[in-house]
Amino acid sequence: MINNPAFAERAEIIREKGTNRSKFFRGQTDKYTWVDIGSSYLPSEIIAAFLYAQLEDSKEIQTKRNALWNNYHNGCLALEDNGCFTRPKMIEHIEHNSHMYYIILSSLEERQELIEFLKKNNILSVFHYIPLHSSPAGKKYGRYNDELPITDRISDTILRLPLYYELSFEDQSKIINLVRDFFNK
């Protein structure tokens, strides 16, 4: 699933804790040694089994995720046109992975109100985005020379709508309608 074969060999080394161990077992070198960064990324057998099943069905899974993403995008167009929020901006020749759908609201307060409104209707929506410069590690290790107002504003106003493979199109329509209801109140 690596999208650039040039990274395959290095990915294998990183997965093998930074060693050329796999080459050794294939007989491509007479001993193995530490050659790059790496860690213990090997999944447990049960996690690997789940991943294998997902990889086998990856086209079906991705097709549904794309359909869900497109439903949100189309279903939220009128709300964006009415100035309620901003939808993701897509570049036509770029293919995205539909891993999330978000909207950008006008304020932190409005985002919190929408989260609460959806929660009262049994919908979990999250914001999850803390700017790196504001995170504990970012404050400790990071360096930046100025204020980052756009990053801070997005952090305060981004809201992720539920998007996962098991989400039914019927439930997604309910979510879109609830978002409409919130802005039509």
N, C-alpha and C. Protein backbone atom coordinates (compact mmCIF):
# COMPACT_ATOMS: atom_id res chain seq x y z
N MET A 1 0.82 -1.20 0.00
CA MET A 1 0.00 0.00 0.00
C MET A 1 0.87 1.26 0.00
N ILE A 2 2.18 1.13 -0.10
CA ILE A 2 3.04 2.32 -0.20
C ILE A 2 2.83 2.91 -1.58
N ASN A 3 2.54 4.20 -1.64
CA ASN A 3 2.20 4.81 -2.92
C ASN A 3 3.41 5.14 -3.78
N ASN A 4 4.62 4.97 -3.26
CA ASN A 4 5.82 5.20 -4.04
C ASN A 4 6.79 4.05 -3.77
N PRO A 5 7.00 3.17 -4.76
CA PRO A 5 7.87 2.00 -4.55
C PRO A 5 9.29 2.36 -4.10
N ALA A 6 9.71 3.59 -4.34
CA ALA A 6 11.05 4.00 -3.91
C ALA A 6 11.20 3.96 -2.39
N PHE A 7 10.07 4.00 -1.66
CA PHE A 7 10.13 3.99 -0.21
C PHE A 7 10.02 2.59 0.39
N ALA A 8 9.76 1.57 -0.42
CA ALA A 8 9.51 0.22 0.09
C ALA A 8 10.69 -0.33 0.88
N GLU A 9 11.88 -0.22 0.34
CA GLU A 9 13.05 -0.78 1.04
C GLU A 9 13.28 -0.08 2.37
N ARG A 10 13.18 1.24 2.39
CA ARG A 10 13.40 1.97 3.63
C ARG A 10 12.30 1.66 4.64
N ALA A 11 11.05 1.53 4.18
CA ALA A 11 9.95 1.19 5.08
C ALA A 11 10.21 -0.16 5.74
N GLU A 12 10.72 -1.10 4.97
CA GLU A 12 11.04 -2.42 5.53
C GLU A 12 12.12 -2.30 6.60
N ILE A 13 13.13 -1.49 6.36
CA ILE A 13 14.22 -1.30 7.33
C ILE A 13 13.69 -0.65 8.61
N ILE A 14 12.87 0.38 8.46
CA ILE A 14 12.31 1.05 9.63
C ILE A 14 11.46 0.08 10.44
N ARG A 15 10.65 -0.74 9.73
CA ARG A 15 9.80 -1.73 10.41
C ARG A 15 10.65 -2.78 11.14
N GLU A 16 11.81 -3.08 10.61
CA GLU A 16 12.70 -4.08 11.21
C GLU A 16 13.64 -3.46 12.24
N LYS A 17 13.13 -2.43 12.94
CA LYS A 17 13.87 -1.78 14.02
C LYS A 17 15.15 -1.12 13.55
N GLY A 18 15.17 -0.68 12.28
CA GLY A 18 16.33 0.01 11.74
C GLY A 18 17.41 -0.90 11.19
N THR A 19 17.12 -2.20 11.09
CA THR A 19 18.14 -3.14 10.60
C THR A 19 17.78 -3.66 9.21
N ASN A 20 18.77 -4.28 8.59
CA ASN A 20 18.55 -4.93 7.29
C ASN A 20 18.25 -6.43 7.49
N ARG A 21 17.57 -6.74 8.56
CA ARG A 21 17.26 -8.12 8.95
C ARG A 21 16.53 -8.89 7.85
N SER A 22 15.56 -8.27 7.19
CA SER A 22 14.81 -8.96 6.14
C SER A 22 15.72 -9.34 4.98
N LYS A 23 16.64 -8.46 4.61
CA LYS A 23 17.60 -8.80 3.55
C LYS A 23 18.45 -10.00 3.97
N PHE A 24 18.82 -10.04 5.25
CA PHE A 24 19.61 -11.16 5.75
C PHE A 24 18.83 -12.47 5.60
N PHE A 25 17.57 -12.47 6.02
CA PHE A 25 16.77 -13.69 5.92
C PHE A 25 16.48 -14.09 4.48
N ARG A 26 16.51 -13.14 3.56
CA ARG A 26 16.32 -13.47 2.15
C ARG A 26 17.64 -13.86 1.49
N GLY A 27 18.75 -13.80 2.24
CA GLY A 27 20.05 -14.16 1.70
C GLY A 27 20.69 -13.07 0.87
N GLN A 28 20.24 -11.84 1.02
CA GLN A 28 20.78 -10.74 0.24
C GLN A 28 21.99 -10.08 0.91
N THR A 29 22.29 -10.48 2.14
CA THR A 29 23.48 -10.02 2.85
C THR A 29 23.91 -11.13 3.80
N ASP A 30 25.20 -11.19 4.12
CA ASP A 30 25.69 -12.30 4.95
C ASP A 30 25.51 -12.05 6.45
N LYS A 31 25.20 -10.83 6.86
CA LYS A 31 24.90 -10.53 8.26
C LYS A 31 23.98 -9.31 8.29
N TYR A 32 23.26 -9.17 9.38
CA TYR A 32 22.42 -7.98 9.44
C TYR A 32 22.92 -7.06 10.53
N THR A 33 22.65 -5.77 10.30
CA THR A 33 23.14 -4.75 11.20
C THR A 33 22.18 -3.57 11.20
N TRP A 34 22.41 -2.67 12.12
CA TRP A 34 21.61 -1.47 12.22
C TRP A 34 22.02 -0.52 11.11
N VAL A 35 21.07 -0.08 10.27
CA VAL A 35 21.41 0.76 9.12
C VAL A 35 20.62 2.07 9.06
N ASP A 36 19.58 2.22 9.87
CA ASP A 36 18.74 3.41 9.79
C ASP A 36 17.91 3.51 11.07
N ILE A 37 17.09 4.55 11.15
CA ILE A 37 16.18 4.67 12.29
C ILE A 37 15.14 3.56 12.21
N GLY A 38 14.51 3.29 13.30
CA GLY A 38 13.46 2.29 13.31
C GLY A 38 12.93 2.11 14.71
N SER A 39 11.93 1.26 14.82
CA SER A 39 11.35 0.98 16.11
C SER A 39 10.60 -0.35 16.02
N SER A 40 9.89 -0.68 17.05
CA SER A 40 9.13 -1.91 17.07
C SER A 40 7.71 -1.63 16.61
N TYR A 41 7.51 -1.63 15.29
CA TYR A 41 6.21 -1.31 14.71
C TYR A 41 5.40 -2.55 14.37
N LEU A 42 5.91 -3.71 14.66
CA LEU A 42 5.22 -4.93 14.27
C LEU A 42 3.91 -5.07 15.03
N PRO A 43 2.81 -5.26 14.32
CA PRO A 43 1.53 -5.41 15.00
C PRO A 43 1.37 -6.80 15.59
N SER A 44 0.49 -6.92 16.56
CA SER A 44 0.17 -8.24 17.10
C SER A 44 -0.54 -9.04 16.01
N GLU A 45 -0.65 -10.34 16.21
CA GLU A 45 -1.29 -11.19 15.20
C GLU A 45 -2.75 -10.80 15.00
N ILE A 46 -3.45 -10.46 16.07
CA ILE A 46 -4.87 -10.11 15.93
C ILE A 46 -5.02 -8.80 15.17
N ILE A 47 -4.15 -7.82 15.44
CA ILE A 47 -4.18 -6.55 14.70
C ILE A 47 -3.83 -6.80 13.24
N ALA A 48 -2.83 -7.64 13.00
CA ALA A 48 -2.45 -7.97 11.63
C ALA A 48 -3.61 -8.64 10.88
N ALA A 49 -4.37 -9.49 11.57
CA ALA A 49 -5.50 -10.16 10.93
C ALA A 49 -6.57 -9.14 10.53
N PHE A 50 -6.86 -8.18 11.41
CA PHE A 50 -7.82 -7.13 11.07
C PHE A 50 -7.31 -6.30 9.89
N LEU A 51 -6.03 -5.94 9.93
CA LEU A 51 -5.46 -5.16 8.84
C LEU A 51 -5.52 -5.93 7.53
N TYR A 52 -5.20 -7.21 7.57
CA TYR A 52 -5.24 -8.02 6.35
C TYR A 52 -6.65 -8.02 5.74
N ALA A 53 -7.65 -8.19 6.58
CA ALA A 53 -9.04 -8.18 6.09
C ALA A 53 -9.37 -6.82 5.47
N GLN A 54 -8.91 -5.74 6.09
CA GLN A 54 -9.16 -4.41 5.55
C GLN A 54 -8.42 -4.20 4.23
N LEU A 55 -7.21 -4.70 4.15
CA LEU A 55 -6.45 -4.57 2.90
C LEU A 55 -7.11 -5.35 1.77
N GLU A 56 -7.65 -6.52 2.11
CA GLU A 56 -8.34 -7.31 1.09
C GLU A 56 -9.55 -6.56 0.53
N ASP A 57 -10.22 -5.78 1.38
CA ASP A 57 -11.42 -5.05 0.97
C ASP A 57 -11.16 -3.55 0.80
N SER A 58 -9.89 -3.17 0.63
CA SER A 58 -9.55 -1.75 0.64
C SER A 58 -10.25 -0.96 -0.46
N LYS A 59 -10.45 -1.53 -1.62
CA LYS A 59 -11.14 -0.78 -2.69
C LYS A 59 -12.59 -0.52 -2.33
N GLU A 60 -13.26 -1.53 -1.79
CA GLU A 60 -14.66 -1.36 -1.36
C GLU A 60 -14.76 -0.34 -0.22
N ILE A 61 -13.85 -0.45 0.74
CA ILE A 61 -13.85 0.48 1.87
C ILE A 61 -13.62 1.90 1.38
N GLN A 62 -12.64 2.09 0.51
CA GLN A 62 -12.33 3.43 0.01
C GLN A 62 -13.46 3.99 -0.83
N THR A 63 -14.10 3.14 -1.61
CA THR A 63 -15.23 3.59 -2.42
C THR A 63 -16.36 4.12 -1.54
N LYS A 64 -16.65 3.41 -0.45
CA LYS A 64 -17.72 3.87 0.44
C LYS A 64 -17.31 5.14 1.17
N ARG A 65 -16.07 5.21 1.63
CA ARG A 65 -15.62 6.42 2.31
C ARG A 65 -15.70 7.63 1.37
N ASN A 66 -15.32 7.44 0.11
CA ASN A 66 -15.43 8.52 -0.87
C ASN A 66 -16.89 8.94 -1.05
N ALA A 67 -17.79 7.96 -1.12
CA ALA A 67 -19.22 8.26 -1.29
C ALA A 67 -19.75 9.04 -0.09
N LEU A 68 -19.37 8.63 1.12
CA LEU A 68 -19.80 9.34 2.33
C LEU A 68 -19.26 10.77 2.32
N TRP A 69 -17.99 10.90 1.99
CA TRP A 69 -17.36 12.23 1.94
C TRP A 69 -18.11 13.11 0.94
N ASN A 70 -18.37 12.58 -0.24
CA ASN A 70 -19.06 13.35 -1.27
C ASN A 70 -20.48 13.72 -0.85
N ASN A 71 -21.15 12.82 -0.12
CA ASN A 71 -22.49 13.14 0.39
C ASN A 71 -22.44 14.33 1.34
N TYR A 72 -21.46 14.33 2.24
CA TYR A 72 -21.31 15.48 3.13
C TYR A 72 -21.05 16.75 2.30
N HIS A 73 -20.13 16.64 1.38
CA HIS A 73 -19.72 17.82 0.61
C HIS A 73 -20.91 18.40 -0.15
N ASN A 74 -21.67 17.54 -0.79
CA ASN A 74 -22.85 18.00 -1.53
C ASN A 74 -23.95 18.47 -0.59
N GLY A 75 -24.15 17.75 0.51
CA GLY A 75 -25.19 18.09 1.47
C GLY A 75 -24.94 19.38 2.23
N CYS A 76 -23.70 19.82 2.27
CA CYS A 76 -23.34 21.03 3.01
C CYS A 76 -23.15 22.25 2.10
N LEU A 77 -23.28 22.07 0.81
CA LEU A 77 -23.05 23.16 -0.15
C LEU A 77 -23.95 24.37 0.13
N ALA A 78 -25.25 24.14 0.28
CA ALA A 78 -26.17 25.26 0.49
C ALA A 78 -25.84 26.00 1.78
N LEU A 79 -25.42 25.27 2.82
CA LEU A 79 -25.08 25.92 4.08
C LEU A 79 -23.83 26.79 3.91
N GLU A 80 -22.87 26.32 3.14
CA GLU A 80 -21.69 27.14 2.87
C GLU A 80 -22.09 28.36 2.04
N ASP A 81 -22.93 28.15 1.03
CA ASP A 81 -23.40 29.27 0.20
C ASP A 81 -24.13 30.32 1.02
N ASN A 82 -24.80 29.89 2.10
CA ASN A 82 -25.51 30.82 2.98
C ASN A 82 -24.61 31.43 4.05
N GLY A 83 -23.32 31.10 4.02
CA GLY A 83 -22.36 31.70 4.95
C GLY A 83 -22.33 31.07 6.32
N CYS A 84 -22.89 29.88 6.45
CA CYS A 84 -22.92 29.22 7.76
C CYS A 84 -21.55 28.70 8.18
N PHE A 85 -20.79 28.21 7.25
CA PHE A 85 -19.46 27.67 7.52
C PHE A 85 -18.73 27.49 6.20
N THR A 86 -17.49 27.03 6.29
CA THR A 86 -16.68 26.75 5.11
C THR A 86 -16.46 25.25 5.01
N ARG A 87 -16.63 24.72 3.82
CA ARG A 87 -16.36 23.30 3.57
C ARG A 87 -14.91 23.14 3.12
N PRO A 88 -14.39 21.90 3.12
CA PRO A 88 -13.04 21.67 2.61
C PRO A 88 -12.92 22.14 1.16
N LYS A 89 -11.80 22.72 0.84
CA LYS A 89 -11.52 23.14 -0.54
C LYS A 89 -10.72 22.03 -1.21
N MET A 90 -11.23 21.58 -2.33
CA MET A 90 -10.57 20.47 -3.03
C MET A 90 -9.94 20.97 -4.33
N ILE A 91 -8.79 20.43 -4.63
CA ILE A 91 -8.11 20.72 -5.88
C ILE A 91 -8.50 19.60 -6.84
N GLU A 92 -9.02 19.96 -8.00
CA GLU A 92 -9.62 18.98 -8.91
C GLU A 92 -8.72 17.81 -9.26
N HIS A 93 -7.47 18.03 -9.54
CA HIS A 93 -6.61 16.94 -10.00
C HIS A 93 -5.94 16.17 -8.86
N ILE A 94 -6.29 16.49 -7.62
CA ILE A 94 -5.72 15.81 -6.45
C ILE A 94 -6.74 14.81 -5.92
N GLU A 95 -6.31 13.58 -5.72
CA GLU A 95 -7.18 12.55 -5.14
C GLU A 95 -6.92 12.48 -3.64
N HIS A 96 -7.96 12.64 -2.84
CA HIS A 96 -7.81 12.58 -1.39
C HIS A 96 -8.32 11.23 -0.89
N ASN A 97 -8.04 10.92 0.38
CA ASN A 97 -8.40 9.60 0.90
C ASN A 97 -9.69 9.58 1.71
N SER A 98 -10.40 10.68 1.77
CA SER A 98 -11.69 10.74 2.47
C SER A 98 -11.60 10.26 3.92
N HIS A 99 -10.48 10.53 4.57
CA HIS A 99 -10.33 10.03 5.94
C HIS A 99 -11.13 10.83 6.96
N MET A 100 -11.53 12.05 6.59
CA MET A 100 -12.39 12.82 7.49
C MET A 100 -13.14 13.87 6.68
N TYR A 101 -14.24 14.33 7.26
CA TYR A 101 -14.94 15.47 6.68
C TYR A 101 -15.09 16.50 7.78
N TYR A 102 -14.73 17.74 7.47
CA TYR A 102 -14.78 18.79 8.48
C TYR A 102 -15.47 20.02 7.90
N ILE A 103 -15.90 20.86 8.82
CA ILE A 103 -16.40 22.17 8.47
C ILE A 103 -15.67 23.19 9.34
N ILE A 104 -15.53 24.40 8.83
CA ILE A 104 -14.89 25.48 9.58
C ILE A 104 -15.98 26.48 9.94
N LEU A 105 -16.23 26.62 11.23
CA LEU A 105 -17.28 27.50 11.73
C LEU A 105 -16.74 28.90 11.97
N SER A 106 -17.60 29.83 12.35
CA SER A 106 -17.18 31.23 12.49
C SER A 106 -16.51 31.53 13.82
N SER A 107 -16.76 30.71 14.85
CA SER A 107 -16.17 31.00 16.16
C SER A 107 -16.09 29.74 17.01
N LEU A 108 -15.29 29.82 18.04
CA LEU A 108 -15.18 28.74 19.02
C LEU A 108 -16.54 28.51 19.68
N GLU A 109 -17.23 29.57 20.01
CA GLU A 109 -18.53 29.45 20.68
C GLU A 109 -19.54 28.72 19.79
N GLU A 110 -19.56 29.08 18.51
CA GLU A 110 -20.49 28.43 17.59
C GLU A 110 -20.15 26.95 17.45
N ARG A 111 -18.86 26.64 17.39
CA ARG A 111 -18.46 25.24 17.30
C ARG A 111 -18.93 24.47 18.52
N GLN A 112 -18.73 25.03 19.70
CA GLN A 112 -19.15 24.35 20.92
C GLN A 112 -20.66 24.16 20.96
N GLU A 113 -21.40 25.15 20.51
CA GLU A 113 -22.86 25.04 20.47
C GLU A 113 -23.30 23.93 19.52
N LEU A 114 -22.66 23.83 18.36
CA LEU A 114 -23.01 22.78 17.41
C LEU A 114 -22.63 21.40 17.96
N ILE A 115 -21.48 21.29 18.60
CA ILE A 115 -21.09 20.01 19.22
C ILE A 115 -22.16 19.59 20.24
N GLU A 116 -22.59 20.52 21.08
CA GLU A 116 -23.61 20.21 22.09
C GLU A 116 -24.95 19.85 21.45
N PHE A 117 -25.34 20.59 20.42
CA PHE A 117 -26.59 20.30 19.72
C PHE A 117 -26.56 18.89 19.12
N LEU A 118 -25.47 18.54 18.47
CA LEU A 118 -25.35 17.20 17.89
C LEU A 118 -25.32 16.14 18.98
N LYS A 119 -24.62 16.43 20.07
CA LYS A 119 -24.53 15.47 21.19
C LYS A 119 -25.91 15.18 21.78
N LYS A 120 -26.73 16.21 21.91
CA LYS A 120 -28.10 16.02 22.42
C LYS A 120 -28.92 15.14 21.48
N ASN A 121 -28.50 15.05 20.24
CA ASN A 121 -29.16 14.22 19.24
C ASN A 121 -28.37 12.93 18.96
N ASN A 122 -27.53 12.56 19.93
CA ASN A 122 -26.75 11.31 19.88
C ASN A 122 -25.75 11.23 18.72
N ILE A 123 -25.19 12.37 18.34
CA ILE A 123 -24.17 12.42 17.30
C ILE A 123 -22.88 12.94 17.94
N LEU A 124 -21.81 12.18 17.81
CA LEU A 124 -20.52 12.60 18.33
C LEU A 124 -19.74 13.30 17.22
N SER A 125 -19.44 14.56 17.44
CA SER A 125 -18.58 15.31 16.54
C SER A 125 -17.43 15.85 17.38
N VAL A 126 -16.26 15.93 16.80
CA VAL A 126 -15.08 16.30 17.57
C VAL A 126 -14.27 17.35 16.82
N PHE A 127 -13.39 18.03 17.55
CA PHE A 127 -12.53 19.00 16.89
C PHE A 127 -11.09 18.52 16.82
N HIS A 128 -10.60 17.84 17.77
CA HIS A 128 -9.33 17.10 17.82
C HIS A 128 -8.07 17.85 17.46
N TYR A 129 -8.12 18.99 16.88
CA TYR A 129 -6.93 19.63 16.32
C TYR A 129 -6.34 20.64 17.30
N ILE A 130 -5.19 20.31 17.84
CA ILE A 130 -4.44 21.24 18.68
C ILE A 130 -3.19 21.60 17.89
N PRO A 131 -2.96 22.87 17.64
CA PRO A 131 -1.77 23.24 16.87
C PRO A 131 -0.49 22.74 17.53
N LEU A 132 0.45 22.34 16.71
CA LEU A 132 1.70 21.82 17.25
C LEU A 132 2.38 22.84 18.16
N HIS A 133 2.36 24.11 17.81
CA HIS A 133 3.03 25.11 18.63
C HIS A 133 2.35 25.32 19.98
N SER A 134 1.11 24.87 20.12
CA SER A 134 0.38 24.99 21.38
C SER A 134 0.45 23.72 22.23
N SER A 135 0.90 22.64 21.63
CA SER A 135 0.95 21.36 22.35
C SER A 135 2.08 21.37 23.37
N PRO A 136 2.00 20.51 24.39
CA PRO A 136 3.08 20.46 25.38
C PRO A 136 4.45 20.21 24.74
N ALA A 137 4.54 19.26 23.82
CA ALA A 137 5.84 18.97 23.19
C ALA A 137 6.25 20.12 22.27
N GLY A 138 5.27 20.73 21.59
CA GLY A 138 5.59 21.87 20.73
C GLY A 138 6.16 23.03 21.51
N LYS A 139 5.59 23.28 22.70
CA LYS A 139 6.12 24.36 23.55
C LYS A 139 7.52 24.03 24.05
N LYS A 140 7.73 22.75 24.32
CA LYS A 140 9.03 22.34 24.85
C LYS A 140 10.11 22.27 23.78
N TYR A 141 9.78 21.71 22.60
CA TYR A 141 10.79 21.45 21.57
C TYR A 141 10.70 22.35 20.34
N GLY A 142 9.53 22.93 20.12
CA GLY A 142 9.32 23.68 18.88
C GLY A 142 9.89 25.08 18.94
N ARG A 143 10.04 25.63 17.75
CA ARG A 143 10.50 27.01 17.62
C ARG A 143 9.70 27.66 16.50
N TYR A 144 9.14 28.82 16.79
CA TYR A 144 8.51 29.61 15.75
C TYR A 144 8.71 31.07 16.13
N ASN A 145 8.75 31.92 15.14
CA ASN A 145 9.17 33.30 15.35
C ASN A 145 8.04 34.30 15.52
N ASP A 146 6.82 33.89 15.26
CA ASP A 146 5.75 34.87 15.26
C ASP A 146 4.46 34.21 15.73
N GLU A 147 3.41 34.97 15.80
CA GLU A 147 2.10 34.43 16.10
C GLU A 147 1.61 33.64 14.90
N LEU A 148 0.73 32.70 15.13
CA LEU A 148 0.18 31.87 14.06
C LEU A 148 -1.35 31.99 14.10
N PRO A 149 -1.89 33.15 13.72
CA PRO A 149 -3.32 33.41 13.89
C PRO A 149 -4.22 32.51 13.05
N ILE A 150 -3.81 32.14 11.86
CA ILE A 150 -4.65 31.27 11.03
C ILE A 150 -4.72 29.88 11.66
N THR A 151 -3.59 29.37 12.07
CA THR A 151 -3.56 28.07 12.73
C THR A 151 -4.41 28.08 13.99
N ASP A 152 -4.27 29.12 14.79
CA ASP A 152 -5.05 29.21 16.03
C ASP A 152 -6.55 29.32 15.74
N ARG A 153 -6.92 30.08 14.70
CA ARG A 153 -8.34 30.23 14.35
C ARG A 153 -8.92 28.90 13.88
N ILE A 154 -8.18 28.18 13.05
CA ILE A 154 -8.67 26.88 12.57
C ILE A 154 -8.82 25.93 13.75
N SER A 155 -7.86 25.94 14.66
CA SER A 155 -7.95 25.09 15.84
C SER A 155 -9.22 25.35 16.63
N ASP A 156 -9.64 26.61 16.69
CA ASP A 156 -10.83 26.97 17.45
C ASP A 156 -12.13 26.72 16.71
N THR A 157 -12.08 26.58 15.39
CA THR A 157 -13.34 26.56 14.62
C THR A 157 -13.56 25.31 13.77
N ILE A 158 -12.60 24.42 13.70
CA ILE A 158 -12.76 23.20 12.90
C ILE A 158 -13.63 22.19 13.65
N LEU A 159 -14.49 21.52 12.90
CA LEU A 159 -15.34 20.48 13.49
C LEU A 159 -15.41 19.30 12.53
N ARG A 160 -15.07 18.14 13.03
CA ARG A 160 -15.15 16.91 12.24
C ARG A 160 -16.53 16.30 12.39
N LEU A 161 -17.14 15.96 11.26
CA LEU A 161 -18.40 15.24 11.28
C LEU A 161 -18.09 13.74 11.22
N PRO A 162 -18.94 12.91 11.78
CA PRO A 162 -18.66 11.46 11.79
C PRO A 162 -18.46 10.92 10.37
N LEU A 163 -17.38 10.17 10.19
CA LEU A 163 -17.10 9.53 8.91
C LEU A 163 -16.32 8.25 9.19
N TYR A 164 -16.99 7.13 8.99
CA TYR A 164 -16.38 5.82 9.19
C TYR A 164 -17.14 4.82 8.33
N TYR A 165 -16.50 3.71 8.05
CA TYR A 165 -17.04 2.75 7.08
C TYR A 165 -18.45 2.27 7.43
N GLU A 166 -18.72 2.03 8.70
CA GLU A 166 -20.02 1.49 9.10
C GLU A 166 -21.13 2.54 9.12
N LEU A 167 -20.79 3.80 8.91
CA LEU A 167 -21.81 4.84 8.88
C LEU A 167 -22.75 4.60 7.70
N SER A 168 -24.04 4.50 7.99
CA SER A 168 -25.01 4.27 6.91
C SER A 168 -25.34 5.60 6.24
N PHE A 169 -25.75 5.53 5.00
CA PHE A 169 -26.14 6.74 4.29
C PHE A 169 -27.38 7.37 4.93
N GLU A 170 -28.23 6.53 5.50
CA GLU A 170 -29.42 7.03 6.21
C GLU A 170 -29.01 7.83 7.44
N ASP A 171 -28.08 7.29 8.23
CA ASP A 171 -27.60 8.01 9.41
C ASP A 171 -26.86 9.29 9.01
N GLN A 172 -26.13 9.21 7.91
CA GLN A 172 -25.43 10.41 7.45
C GLN A 172 -26.43 11.50 7.06
N SER A 173 -27.51 11.12 6.42
CA SER A 173 -28.55 12.11 6.07
C SER A 173 -29.12 12.76 7.32
N LYS A 174 -29.30 11.98 8.39
CA LYS A 174 -29.77 12.55 9.65
C LYS A 174 -28.78 13.58 10.19
N ILE A 175 -27.50 13.27 10.09
CA ILE A 175 -26.46 14.20 10.56
C ILE A 175 -26.53 15.50 9.77
N ILE A 176 -26.58 15.38 8.45
CA ILE A 176 -26.64 16.57 7.60
C ILE A 176 -27.89 17.39 7.94
N ASN A 177 -29.02 16.73 8.12
CA ASN A 177 -30.25 17.44 8.46
C ASN A 177 -30.16 18.12 9.83
N LEU A 178 -29.50 17.47 10.78
CA LEU A 178 -29.31 18.10 12.09
C LEU A 178 -28.44 19.35 11.98
N VAL A 179 -27.40 19.28 11.17
CA VAL A 179 -26.55 20.46 10.97
C VAL A 179 -27.38 21.58 10.33
N ARG A 180 -28.22 21.24 9.37
CA ARG A 180 -29.12 22.23 8.76
C ARG A 180 -30.06 22.81 9.81
N ASP A 181 -30.64 21.94 10.64
CA ASP A 181 -31.55 22.40 11.70
C ASP A 181 -30.86 23.39 12.63
N PHE A 182 -29.61 23.09 12.98
CA PHE A 182 -28.85 23.98 13.87
C PHE A 182 -28.75 25.38 13.27
N PHE A 183 -28.45 25.47 12.00
CA PHE A 183 -28.28 26.78 11.37
C PHE A 183 -29.60 27.43 10.99
N ASN A 184 -30.68 26.68 10.94
CA ASN A 184 -31.99 27.24 10.62
C ASN A 184 -32.77 27.66 11.84
N LYS A 185 -32.18 27.45 13.04
CA LYS A 185 -32.91 27.78 14.27
C LYS A 185 -33.11 29.27 14.45
